[in-house]
Amino acid sequence: MSLSPYAPIVGLFALAAAFALFSVAAARFAGPRRYNKAKLEAYECGIEPSPQPVGGGRFPVKFYLTAMLFIVFDIEIIFLYPWAVSFDALPIFGFVEMVLFIVAVFVAYAYVWRRGGLDWD
C-alpha cells in the first residue's frame, strides 16, 4: 500500500502548522509591548466590562432566545444547500417536503416576530 497520494495533504498540514507557529513567534518578537489595565481585561463589545459575582453571573433569557433563533435559521440553511444541489434529481416529493419545511420555519419566524423576539432593546 503506497502512501504517496497522501503526501500533498500531509505537506499542506505541515505548511499550515509551520505558518501558524511562525506567525505566533513573529508576533511575540515584532509586536509592541505596551500593557495597560484596559488591554488585560476581558473585551465585551467595546463597552466597559460589568463586574460579575464570584460564582458567575446569570445571562438574560434574551441571550438564549437569540442563540436558539440562530440555530433554527442555521439548520434551515444546512437543509437547503443539499436540496438545492440535488434539486434536479428529486421528484415532486422532494419539492413538496421542502415547501412544508420552509412553511414550518416561517411560522416559527412569524411567531417569534409577533412575540417581540427580534426587538433589540
N, C-alpha and C. Protein backbone atom coordinates (compact mmCIF):
# COMPACT_ATOMS: atom_id res chain seq x y z
N MET A 1 0.85 -1.18 0.00
CA MET A 1 0.00 0.00 0.00
C MET A 1 0.89 1.23 0.00
N SER A 2 0.69 2.08 -0.96
CA SER A 2 1.51 3.27 -1.12
C SER A 2 0.83 4.47 -0.47
N LEU A 3 1.60 5.25 0.24
CA LEU A 3 1.06 6.44 0.90
C LEU A 3 1.33 7.72 0.09
N SER A 4 1.87 7.57 -1.11
CA SER A 4 2.22 8.74 -1.90
C SER A 4 1.01 9.62 -2.28
N PRO A 5 -0.22 9.10 -2.44
CA PRO A 5 -1.33 10.00 -2.72
C PRO A 5 -1.64 10.96 -1.56
N TYR A 6 -1.21 10.58 -0.35
CA TYR A 6 -1.48 11.43 0.82
C TYR A 6 -0.38 12.45 1.07
N ALA A 7 0.69 12.40 0.33
CA ALA A 7 1.82 13.31 0.54
C ALA A 7 1.41 14.78 0.40
N PRO A 8 0.63 15.18 -0.60
CA PRO A 8 0.23 16.60 -0.68
C PRO A 8 -0.60 17.06 0.51
N ILE A 9 -1.46 16.18 1.03
CA ILE A 9 -2.29 16.55 2.18
C ILE A 9 -1.42 16.72 3.42
N VAL A 10 -0.50 15.78 3.63
CA VAL A 10 0.41 15.88 4.77
C VAL A 10 1.28 17.12 4.64
N GLY A 11 1.75 17.39 3.43
CA GLY A 11 2.55 18.59 3.19
C GLY A 11 1.77 19.88 3.47
N LEU A 12 0.50 19.90 3.09
CA LEU A 12 -0.33 21.07 3.34
C LEU A 12 -0.55 21.28 4.84
N PHE A 13 -0.80 20.19 5.58
CA PHE A 13 -0.94 20.31 7.04
C PHE A 13 0.36 20.79 7.68
N ALA A 14 1.49 20.28 7.20
CA ALA A 14 2.78 20.70 7.74
C ALA A 14 3.03 22.18 7.44
N LEU A 15 2.70 22.61 6.24
CA LEU A 15 2.86 24.02 5.88
C LEU A 15 1.95 24.92 6.72
N ALA A 16 0.72 24.48 6.96
CA ALA A 16 -0.21 25.26 7.78
C ALA A 16 0.28 25.35 9.22
N ALA A 17 0.77 24.26 9.77
CA ALA A 17 1.29 24.27 11.14
C ALA A 17 2.53 25.15 11.24
N ALA A 18 3.41 25.07 10.25
CA ALA A 18 4.61 25.91 10.26
C ALA A 18 4.24 27.39 10.17
N PHE A 19 3.27 27.72 9.34
CA PHE A 19 2.84 29.12 9.22
C PHE A 19 2.22 29.61 10.53
N ALA A 20 1.42 28.79 11.18
CA ALA A 20 0.81 29.18 12.44
C ALA A 20 1.88 29.41 13.50
N LEU A 21 2.83 28.50 13.62
CA LEU A 21 3.89 28.65 14.61
C LEU A 21 4.76 29.86 14.31
N PHE A 22 5.08 30.08 13.05
CA PHE A 22 5.88 31.23 12.66
C PHE A 22 5.14 32.54 12.97
N SER A 23 3.84 32.59 12.72
CA SER A 23 3.06 33.80 12.98
C SER A 23 3.04 34.13 14.47
N VAL A 24 2.85 33.13 15.31
CA VAL A 24 2.82 33.37 16.75
C VAL A 24 4.19 33.83 17.24
N ALA A 25 5.25 33.18 16.76
CA ALA A 25 6.60 33.56 17.18
C ALA A 25 6.97 34.95 16.68
N ALA A 26 6.63 35.27 15.45
CA ALA A 26 6.97 36.58 14.90
C ALA A 26 6.20 37.69 15.61
N ALA A 27 4.95 37.44 15.98
CA ALA A 27 4.18 38.45 16.70
C ALA A 27 4.78 38.71 18.07
N ARG A 28 5.31 37.69 18.70
CA ARG A 28 5.91 37.86 20.03
C ARG A 28 7.15 38.73 19.96
N PHE A 29 7.94 38.59 18.90
CA PHE A 29 9.17 39.36 18.78
C PHE A 29 8.94 40.73 18.15
N ALA A 30 8.03 40.85 17.20
CA ALA A 30 7.86 42.09 16.46
C ALA A 30 6.81 43.02 17.06
N GLY A 31 5.89 42.50 17.84
CA GLY A 31 4.80 43.32 18.36
C GLY A 31 5.22 44.23 19.50
N PRO A 32 4.52 45.34 19.66
CA PRO A 32 4.84 46.25 20.77
C PRO A 32 4.41 45.64 22.10
N ARG A 33 5.09 46.05 23.15
CA ARG A 33 4.79 45.53 24.49
C ARG A 33 4.35 46.69 25.38
N ARG A 34 3.20 47.24 25.11
CA ARG A 34 2.66 48.33 25.92
C ARG A 34 1.41 47.82 26.62
N TYR A 35 1.57 47.25 27.79
CA TYR A 35 0.45 46.69 28.51
C TYR A 35 -0.16 47.77 29.40
N ASN A 36 -1.48 47.77 29.48
CA ASN A 36 -2.18 48.63 30.41
C ASN A 36 -3.38 47.87 30.95
N LYS A 37 -4.08 48.47 31.88
CA LYS A 37 -5.20 47.78 32.54
C LYS A 37 -6.30 47.40 31.54
N ALA A 38 -6.57 48.30 30.58
CA ALA A 38 -7.65 48.04 29.62
C ALA A 38 -7.33 46.85 28.72
N LYS A 39 -6.06 46.68 28.35
CA LYS A 39 -5.71 45.56 27.48
C LYS A 39 -5.76 44.22 28.19
N LEU A 40 -5.58 44.22 29.50
CA LEU A 40 -5.56 42.97 30.24
C LEU A 40 -6.94 42.52 30.68
N GLU A 41 -7.97 43.37 30.51
CA GLU A 41 -9.32 42.99 30.91
C GLU A 41 -10.05 42.29 29.76
N ALA A 42 -11.12 41.60 30.11
CA ALA A 42 -11.94 40.92 29.10
C ALA A 42 -12.62 41.95 28.21
N TYR A 43 -12.76 41.62 26.94
CA TYR A 43 -13.37 42.53 25.97
C TYR A 43 -14.84 42.19 25.81
N GLU A 44 -15.70 43.21 25.96
CA GLU A 44 -17.14 42.99 25.84
C GLU A 44 -17.73 43.98 24.85
N CYS A 45 -17.45 43.80 23.58
CA CYS A 45 -18.06 44.57 22.50
C CYS A 45 -17.83 46.08 22.64
N GLY A 46 -16.71 46.48 23.14
CA GLY A 46 -16.38 47.89 23.20
C GLY A 46 -16.94 48.63 24.39
N ILE A 47 -17.64 47.96 25.28
CA ILE A 47 -18.15 48.63 26.47
C ILE A 47 -17.34 48.18 27.68
N GLU A 48 -17.42 48.95 28.73
CA GLU A 48 -16.72 48.57 29.95
C GLU A 48 -17.30 47.27 30.51
N PRO A 49 -16.44 46.32 30.88
CA PRO A 49 -16.95 45.08 31.44
C PRO A 49 -17.66 45.33 32.77
N SER A 50 -18.79 44.70 32.94
CA SER A 50 -19.52 44.86 34.19
C SER A 50 -19.02 43.82 35.18
N PRO A 51 -18.95 44.19 36.45
CA PRO A 51 -18.46 43.22 37.44
C PRO A 51 -19.42 42.04 37.59
N GLN A 52 -18.86 40.86 37.75
CA GLN A 52 -19.65 39.64 37.89
C GLN A 52 -19.49 39.09 39.30
N PRO A 53 -20.51 38.44 39.82
CA PRO A 53 -20.36 37.79 41.14
C PRO A 53 -19.30 36.69 41.08
N VAL A 54 -18.86 36.25 42.24
CA VAL A 54 -17.80 35.26 42.32
C VAL A 54 -18.20 33.96 41.63
N GLY A 55 -19.43 33.51 41.81
CA GLY A 55 -19.89 32.26 41.22
C GLY A 55 -20.28 32.40 39.76
N GLY A 56 -20.16 33.57 39.19
CA GLY A 56 -20.57 33.80 37.80
C GLY A 56 -21.93 34.47 37.77
N GLY A 57 -22.19 35.19 36.71
CA GLY A 57 -23.45 35.91 36.59
C GLY A 57 -24.48 35.14 35.80
N ARG A 58 -25.69 35.61 35.85
CA ARG A 58 -26.77 34.99 35.07
C ARG A 58 -26.92 35.74 33.76
N PHE A 59 -27.10 34.99 32.69
CA PHE A 59 -27.33 35.61 31.40
C PHE A 59 -28.81 35.88 31.23
N PRO A 60 -29.16 36.97 30.57
CA PRO A 60 -30.58 37.22 30.32
C PRO A 60 -31.16 36.16 29.38
N VAL A 61 -32.46 35.94 29.50
CA VAL A 61 -33.14 34.96 28.66
C VAL A 61 -33.05 35.37 27.19
N LYS A 62 -32.99 36.65 26.90
CA LYS A 62 -32.91 37.13 25.52
C LYS A 62 -31.66 36.58 24.81
N PHE A 63 -30.59 36.39 25.58
CA PHE A 63 -29.38 35.80 25.00
C PHE A 63 -29.67 34.39 24.47
N TYR A 64 -30.36 33.59 25.24
CA TYR A 64 -30.68 32.23 24.82
C TYR A 64 -31.67 32.21 23.67
N LEU A 65 -32.64 33.12 23.68
CA LEU A 65 -33.59 33.19 22.56
C LEU A 65 -32.88 33.54 21.26
N THR A 66 -31.96 34.48 21.34
CA THR A 66 -31.20 34.84 20.14
C THR A 66 -30.37 33.66 19.66
N ALA A 67 -29.77 32.93 20.58
CA ALA A 67 -28.97 31.76 20.19
C ALA A 67 -29.85 30.69 19.54
N MET A 68 -31.04 30.48 20.09
CA MET A 68 -31.94 29.47 19.50
C MET A 68 -32.42 29.91 18.12
N LEU A 69 -32.68 31.20 17.94
CA LEU A 69 -33.07 31.68 16.61
C LEU A 69 -31.95 31.45 15.60
N PHE A 70 -30.73 31.72 16.02
CA PHE A 70 -29.60 31.48 15.13
C PHE A 70 -29.53 30.01 14.74
N ILE A 71 -29.72 29.13 15.70
CA ILE A 71 -29.65 27.70 15.41
C ILE A 71 -30.76 27.28 14.46
N VAL A 72 -31.98 27.80 14.65
CA VAL A 72 -33.09 27.44 13.77
C VAL A 72 -32.78 27.84 12.33
N PHE A 73 -32.32 29.08 12.12
CA PHE A 73 -32.06 29.52 10.76
C PHE A 73 -30.80 28.91 10.19
N ASP A 74 -29.85 28.57 11.03
CA ASP A 74 -28.65 27.88 10.58
C ASP A 74 -29.01 26.48 10.10
N ILE A 75 -29.86 25.79 10.83
CA ILE A 75 -30.29 24.46 10.41
C ILE A 75 -31.09 24.54 9.11
N GLU A 76 -31.87 25.59 8.96
CA GLU A 76 -32.62 25.74 7.71
C GLU A 76 -31.67 25.84 6.53
N ILE A 77 -30.63 26.63 6.66
CA ILE A 77 -29.66 26.77 5.58
C ILE A 77 -28.94 25.46 5.32
N ILE A 78 -28.61 24.74 6.38
CA ILE A 78 -27.92 23.45 6.21
C ILE A 78 -28.81 22.47 5.43
N PHE A 79 -30.11 22.53 5.62
CA PHE A 79 -31.01 21.66 4.87
C PHE A 79 -31.24 22.16 3.44
N LEU A 80 -31.16 23.45 3.23
CA LEU A 80 -31.43 23.99 1.90
C LEU A 80 -30.29 23.73 0.91
N TYR A 81 -29.04 23.74 1.36
CA TYR A 81 -27.93 23.54 0.44
C TYR A 81 -27.96 22.18 -0.26
N PRO A 82 -28.06 21.06 0.47
CA PRO A 82 -28.10 19.78 -0.25
C PRO A 82 -29.34 19.65 -1.13
N TRP A 83 -30.44 20.21 -0.69
CA TRP A 83 -31.66 20.14 -1.50
C TRP A 83 -31.46 20.91 -2.81
N ALA A 84 -30.83 22.09 -2.72
CA ALA A 84 -30.61 22.89 -3.93
C ALA A 84 -29.64 22.20 -4.89
N VAL A 85 -28.65 21.50 -4.34
CA VAL A 85 -27.67 20.81 -5.19
C VAL A 85 -28.32 19.65 -5.92
N SER A 86 -29.19 18.91 -5.25
CA SER A 86 -29.79 17.73 -5.86
C SER A 86 -31.23 17.98 -6.30
N PHE A 87 -31.58 19.22 -6.58
CA PHE A 87 -32.95 19.55 -6.94
C PHE A 87 -33.39 18.83 -8.22
N ASP A 88 -32.51 18.72 -9.20
CA ASP A 88 -32.87 18.08 -10.48
C ASP A 88 -33.15 16.58 -10.30
N ALA A 89 -32.50 15.95 -9.33
CA ALA A 89 -32.67 14.50 -9.15
C ALA A 89 -33.87 14.16 -8.28
N LEU A 90 -34.44 15.15 -7.61
CA LEU A 90 -35.57 14.87 -6.72
C LEU A 90 -36.89 14.93 -7.49
N PRO A 91 -37.77 14.05 -7.19
CA PRO A 91 -39.10 14.15 -7.80
C PRO A 91 -39.91 15.25 -7.10
N ILE A 92 -41.18 15.32 -7.41
CA ILE A 92 -42.05 16.34 -6.83
C ILE A 92 -42.16 16.18 -5.31
N PHE A 93 -41.94 14.98 -4.82
CA PHE A 93 -41.99 14.74 -3.38
C PHE A 93 -40.94 15.58 -2.64
N GLY A 94 -39.74 15.68 -3.19
CA GLY A 94 -38.68 16.49 -2.57
C GLY A 94 -39.06 17.96 -2.53
N PHE A 95 -39.71 18.43 -3.59
CA PHE A 95 -40.14 19.83 -3.63
C PHE A 95 -41.21 20.10 -2.58
N VAL A 96 -42.18 19.20 -2.48
CA VAL A 96 -43.27 19.38 -1.51
C VAL A 96 -42.72 19.34 -0.09
N GLU A 97 -41.81 18.43 0.18
CA GLU A 97 -41.23 18.35 1.52
C GLU A 97 -40.47 19.62 1.88
N MET A 98 -39.74 20.19 0.92
CA MET A 98 -39.00 21.41 1.21
C MET A 98 -39.95 22.59 1.41
N VAL A 99 -41.03 22.63 0.65
CA VAL A 99 -42.01 23.71 0.85
C VAL A 99 -42.63 23.60 2.25
N LEU A 100 -42.96 22.40 2.68
CA LEU A 100 -43.50 22.21 4.03
C LEU A 100 -42.48 22.61 5.10
N PHE A 101 -41.23 22.27 4.87
CA PHE A 101 -40.19 22.64 5.82
C PHE A 101 -40.04 24.16 5.92
N ILE A 102 -40.02 24.84 4.79
CA ILE A 102 -39.88 26.30 4.79
C ILE A 102 -41.10 26.95 5.42
N VAL A 103 -42.29 26.42 5.18
CA VAL A 103 -43.50 26.97 5.80
C VAL A 103 -43.41 26.82 7.32
N ALA A 104 -42.95 25.68 7.80
CA ALA A 104 -42.82 25.48 9.24
C ALA A 104 -41.81 26.45 9.84
N VAL A 105 -40.72 26.70 9.15
CA VAL A 105 -39.72 27.65 9.66
C VAL A 105 -40.28 29.07 9.65
N PHE A 106 -41.01 29.43 8.61
CA PHE A 106 -41.58 30.79 8.57
C PHE A 106 -42.69 30.97 9.60
N VAL A 107 -43.40 29.92 9.92
CA VAL A 107 -44.40 30.03 11.00
C VAL A 107 -43.68 30.31 12.32
N ALA A 108 -42.58 29.62 12.57
CA ALA A 108 -41.80 29.87 13.78
C ALA A 108 -41.22 31.29 13.77
N TYR A 109 -40.77 31.75 12.62
CA TYR A 109 -40.24 33.11 12.48
C TYR A 109 -41.32 34.14 12.76
N ALA A 110 -42.51 33.95 12.21
CA ALA A 110 -43.62 34.88 12.45
C ALA A 110 -44.01 34.89 13.92
N TYR A 111 -44.01 33.74 14.55
CA TYR A 111 -44.34 33.66 15.97
C TYR A 111 -43.33 34.45 16.81
N VAL A 112 -42.05 34.26 16.51
CA VAL A 112 -41.01 34.98 17.26
C VAL A 112 -41.11 36.48 17.00
N TRP A 113 -41.40 36.85 15.77
CA TRP A 113 -41.52 38.26 15.42
C TRP A 113 -42.69 38.90 16.17
N ARG A 114 -43.84 38.23 16.20
CA ARG A 114 -45.01 38.77 16.90
C ARG A 114 -44.79 38.87 18.40
N ARG A 115 -44.02 37.93 18.95
CA ARG A 115 -43.76 37.94 20.40
C ARG A 115 -42.66 38.94 20.80
N GLY A 116 -42.02 39.59 19.82
CA GLY A 116 -41.00 40.58 20.12
C GLY A 116 -39.62 40.00 20.31
N GLY A 117 -39.39 38.80 19.83
CA GLY A 117 -38.08 38.18 19.99
C GLY A 117 -37.01 38.78 19.13
N LEU A 118 -37.38 39.57 18.13
CA LEU A 118 -36.39 40.19 17.26
C LEU A 118 -36.14 41.67 17.59
N ASP A 119 -36.75 42.17 18.65
CA ASP A 119 -36.54 43.56 19.06
C ASP A 119 -35.23 43.66 19.81
N TRP A 120 -34.39 44.61 19.39
CA TRP A 120 -33.10 44.81 20.04
C TRP A 120 -33.26 45.99 20.99
N ASP A 121 -33.42 45.71 22.25
CA ASP A 121 -33.63 46.76 23.25
C ASP A 121 -32.36 47.51 23.54
